[in-house]
Amino acid sequence: MSTDHKRWRLSEMDLRELDPVKARELIIKCFFESQKETFARAKQNLGKEARDDEIRKTVESVIRLSFKEVGGSYEEPTKEDLGKVVSTLARKADSWGTPPDIIEHHKGQIIKILNLLK
């Protein structure tokens, strides 16, 4: 069973008025787009609805948990915490069978964001 993974790309608009909270929201958007199919299939296998809003809630929960795992604050993220969370999410995606090129592409997109944060 092959899983489709979309490649999310940053836009110029994404980078406007960038701060750590906006960066966290972009990480959520990126992870949602890249893992949407994985979560949809998992929910369907559990007999649950796989609507976008439900998948987004799951993605947010995974990201909140990742902040806890790295000792960071979801509500008040720092650049350092965001970097740790991205590494944690990459490890999780790898454990779920996400192809390495998809993981590296999305990590690259997020690193561009993190490099622009002060």
C-alpha atoms as a PDB file:
ATOM      1  CA  MET A   1       0.000   0.000   0.000  1.00  0.00           C
ATOM      2  CA  SER A   2       1.621   3.222  -1.129  1.00  0.00           C
ATOM      3  CA  THR A   3       1.009   6.454   0.697  1.00  0.00           C
ATOM      4  CA  ASP A   4       0.864   9.712  -1.221  1.00  0.00           C
ATOM      5  CA  HIS A   5       2.905  12.546   0.249  1.00  0.00           C
ATOM      6  CA  LYS A   6       2.509  16.080  -1.019  1.00  0.00           C
ATOM      7  CA  ARG A   7       5.404  18.489  -1.163  1.00  0.00           C
ATOM      8  CA  TRP A   8       4.568  21.679   0.666  1.00  0.00           C
ATOM      9  CA  ARG A   9       6.448  24.809  -0.382  1.00  0.00           C
ATOM     10  CA  LEU A  10       6.952  28.130   1.321  1.00  0.00           C
ATOM     11  CA  SER A  11       5.562  31.213  -0.339  1.00  0.00           C
ATOM     12  CA  GLU A  12       6.693  34.820  -0.060  1.00  0.00           C
ATOM     13  CA  MET A  13       3.476  35.518   1.841  1.00  0.00           C
ATOM     14  CA  ASP A  14       4.427  32.867   4.428  1.00  0.00           C
ATOM     15  CA  LEU A  15       7.576  34.806   5.278  1.00  0.00           C
ATOM     16  CA  ARG A  16       5.889  38.165   5.922  1.00  0.00           C
ATOM     17  CA  GLU A  17       5.856  39.329   9.534  1.00  0.00           C
ATOM     18  CA  LEU A  18       7.590  36.137  10.583  1.00  0.00           C
ATOM     19  CA  ASP A  19       7.893  35.473  14.306  1.00  0.00           C
ATOM     20  CA  PRO A  20       8.139  32.217  16.329  1.00  0.00           C
ATOM     21  CA  VAL A  21       4.338  31.825  16.631  1.00  0.00           C
ATOM     22  CA  LYS A  22       3.863  32.265  12.871  1.00  0.00           C
ATOM     23  CA  ALA A  23       6.767  29.848  12.325  1.00  0.00           C
ATOM     24  CA  ARG A  24       4.959  27.285  14.531  1.00  0.00           C
ATOM     25  CA  GLU A  25       1.804  27.740  12.450  1.00  0.00           C
ATOM     26  CA  LEU A  26       3.812  27.193   9.258  1.00  0.00           C
ATOM     27  CA  ILE A  27       5.272  24.005  10.753  1.00  0.00           C
ATOM     28  CA  ILE A  28       1.713  22.827  11.458  1.00  0.00           C
ATOM     29  CA  LYS A  29       0.704  23.659   7.875  1.00  0.00           C
ATOM     30  CA  CYS A  30       3.771  21.883   6.478  1.00  0.00           C
ATOM     31  CA  PHE A  31       3.304  18.772   8.620  1.00  0.00           C
ATOM     32  CA  PHE A  32      -0.411  18.670   7.819  1.00  0.00           C
ATOM     33  CA  GLU A  33       0.210  18.778   4.073  1.00  0.00           C
ATOM     34  CA  SER A  34       3.063  16.283   4.115  1.00  0.00           C
ATOM     35  CA  GLN A  35       1.401  13.775   6.485  1.00  0.00           C
ATOM     36  CA  LYS A  36      -2.263  14.263   5.576  1.00  0.00           C
ATOM     37  CA  GLU A  37      -2.563  10.985   3.693  1.00  0.00           C
ATOM     38  CA  THR A  38      -0.779   9.042   6.449  1.00  0.00           C
ATOM     39  CA  PHE A  39      -3.183  10.357   9.095  1.00  0.00           C
ATOM     40  CA  ALA A  40      -6.231   9.910   6.841  1.00  0.00           C
ATOM     41  CA  ARG A  41      -5.415   6.240   6.308  1.00  0.00           C
ATOM     42  CA  ALA A  42      -4.748   5.680  10.007  1.00  0.00           C
ATOM     43  CA  LYS A  43      -8.096   7.253  10.935  1.00  0.00           C
ATOM     44  CA  GLN A  44      -9.927   5.209   8.294  1.00  0.00           C
ATOM     45  CA  ASN A  45      -8.279   2.034   9.591  1.00  0.00           C
ATOM     46  CA  LEU A  46      -9.669   2.896  13.037  1.00  0.00           C
ATOM     47  CA  GLY A  47     -13.119   3.475  11.573  1.00  0.00           C
ATOM     48  CA  LYS A  48     -12.945   7.216  12.190  1.00  0.00           C
ATOM     49  CA  GLU A  49     -13.682  10.104   9.866  1.00  0.00           C
ATOM     50  CA  ALA A  50     -10.721  11.445   7.939  1.00  0.00           C
ATOM     51  CA  ARG A  51     -11.939  15.001   7.369  1.00  0.00           C
ATOM     52  CA  ASP A  52      -9.313  17.726   7.003  1.00  0.00           C
ATOM     53  CA  ASP A  53     -10.395  19.445  10.240  1.00  0.00           C
ATOM     54  CA  GLU A  54     -10.037  16.169  12.163  1.00  0.00           C
ATOM     55  CA  ILE A  55      -6.632  15.491  10.613  1.00  0.00           C
ATOM     56  CA  ARG A  56      -5.512  19.026  11.467  1.00  0.00           C
ATOM     57  CA  LYS A  57      -6.512  18.441  15.113  1.00  0.00           C
ATOM     58  CA  THR A  58      -4.417  15.273  15.129  1.00  0.00           C
ATOM     59  CA  VAL A  59      -1.458  17.109  13.577  1.00  0.00           C
ATOM     60  CA  GLU A  60      -1.747  19.868  16.194  1.00  0.00           C
ATOM     61  CA  SER A  61      -1.816  17.245  18.957  1.00  0.00           C
ATOM     62  CA  VAL A  62       1.327  15.588  17.581  1.00  0.00           C
ATOM     63  CA  ILE A  63       3.060  18.968  17.460  1.00  0.00           C
ATOM     64  CA  ARG A  64       1.927  19.924  20.986  1.00  0.00           C
ATOM     65  CA  LEU A  65       3.276  16.586  22.222  1.00  0.00           C
ATOM     66  CA  SER A  66       6.547  17.201  20.366  1.00  0.00           C
ATOM     67  CA  PHE A  67       6.958  20.535  22.189  1.00  0.00           C
ATOM     68  CA  LYS A  68       6.458  18.698  25.500  1.00  0.00           C
ATOM     69  CA  GLU A  69       8.991  16.045  24.466  1.00  0.00           C
ATOM     70  CA  VAL A  70      11.668  18.699  23.821  1.00  0.00           C
ATOM     71  CA  GLY A  71      10.794  20.721  26.935  1.00  0.00           C
ATOM     72  CA  GLY A  72       9.504  23.678  24.924  1.00  0.00           C
ATOM     73  CA  SER A  73       6.406  25.844  25.010  1.00  0.00           C
ATOM     74  CA  TYR A  74       3.774  25.419  22.288  1.00  0.00           C
ATOM     75  CA  GLU A  75       2.202  28.762  23.264  1.00  0.00           C
ATOM     76  CA  GLU A  76       5.477  30.705  23.355  1.00  0.00           C
ATOM     77  CA  PRO A  77       7.872  28.870  21.053  1.00  0.00           C
ATOM     78  CA  THR A  78      11.511  29.853  20.713  1.00  0.00           C
ATOM     79  CA  LYS A  79      13.641  29.417  17.610  1.00  0.00           C
ATOM     80  CA  GLU A  80      15.618  26.720  19.437  1.00  0.00           C
ATOM     81  CA  ASP A  81      12.483  24.820  20.478  1.00  0.00           C
ATOM     82  CA  LEU A  82      11.086  25.007  16.940  1.00  0.00           C
ATOM     83  CA  GLY A  83      14.293  23.442  15.614  1.00  0.00           C
ATOM     84  CA  LYS A  84      14.081  20.620  18.155  1.00  0.00           C
ATOM     85  CA  VAL A  85      10.402  20.041  17.313  1.00  0.00           C
ATOM     86  CA  VAL A  86      11.188  19.823  13.597  1.00  0.00           C
ATOM     87  CA  SER A  87      13.826  17.152  14.320  1.00  0.00           C
ATOM     88  CA  THR A  88      11.318  15.259  16.479  1.00  0.00           C
ATOM     89  CA  LEU A  89       8.640  15.454  13.766  1.00  0.00           C
ATOM     90  CA  ALA A  90      11.125  14.207  11.167  1.00  0.00           C
ATOM     91  CA  ARG A  91      11.916  11.170  13.349  1.00  0.00           C
ATOM     92  CA  LYS A  92       8.197  10.479  13.825  1.00  0.00           C
ATOM     93  CA  ALA A  93       7.502  10.780  10.091  1.00  0.00           C
ATOM     94  CA  ASP A  94      10.385   8.397   9.391  1.00  0.00           C
ATOM     95  CA  SER A  95       8.975   5.860  11.858  1.00  0.00           C
ATOM     96  CA  TRP A  96       5.608   6.069  10.028  1.00  0.00           C
ATOM     97  CA  GLY A  97       7.266   5.175   6.722  1.00  0.00           C
ATOM     98  CA  THR A  98       7.430   8.621   5.144  1.00  0.00           C
ATOM     99  CA  PRO A  99      10.006   8.491   2.325  1.00  0.00           C
ATOM    100  CA  PRO A 100      13.342  10.135   3.243  1.00  0.00           C
ATOM    101  CA  ASP A 101      13.198  12.572   0.302  1.00  0.00           C
ATOM    102  CA  ILE A 102       9.818  13.868   1.504  1.00  0.00           C
ATOM    103  CA  ILE A 103      11.170  14.337   5.043  1.00  0.00           C
ATOM    104  CA  GLU A 104      14.285  16.137   3.799  1.00  0.00           C
ATOM    105  CA  HIS A 105      12.281  18.396   1.481  1.00  0.00           C
ATOM    106  CA  HIS A 106      10.004  19.553   4.298  1.00  0.00           C
ATOM    107  CA  LYS A 107      12.831  19.912   6.804  1.00  0.00           C
ATOM    108  CA  GLY A 108      14.522  22.137   4.224  1.00  0.00           C
ATOM    109  CA  GLN A 109      11.432  24.320   3.908  1.00  0.00           C
ATOM    110  CA  ILE A 110      11.220  24.751   7.675  1.00  0.00           C
ATOM    111  CA  ILE A 111      14.959  25.405   8.050  1.00  0.00           C
ATOM    112  CA  LYS A 112      14.509  28.358   5.667  1.00  0.00           C
ATOM    113  CA  ILE A 113      11.886  29.710   8.092  1.00  0.00           C
ATOM    114  CA  LEU A 114      14.051  29.109  11.161  1.00  0.00           C
ATOM    115  CA  ASN A 115      17.060  30.791   9.521  1.00  0.00           C
ATOM    116  CA  LEU A 116      14.996  33.958   9.093  1.00  0.00           C
ATOM    117  CA  LEU A 117      13.962  34.082  12.766  1.00  0.00           C
ATOM    118  CA  LYS A 118      16.020  36.246  15.098  1.00  0.00           C
END
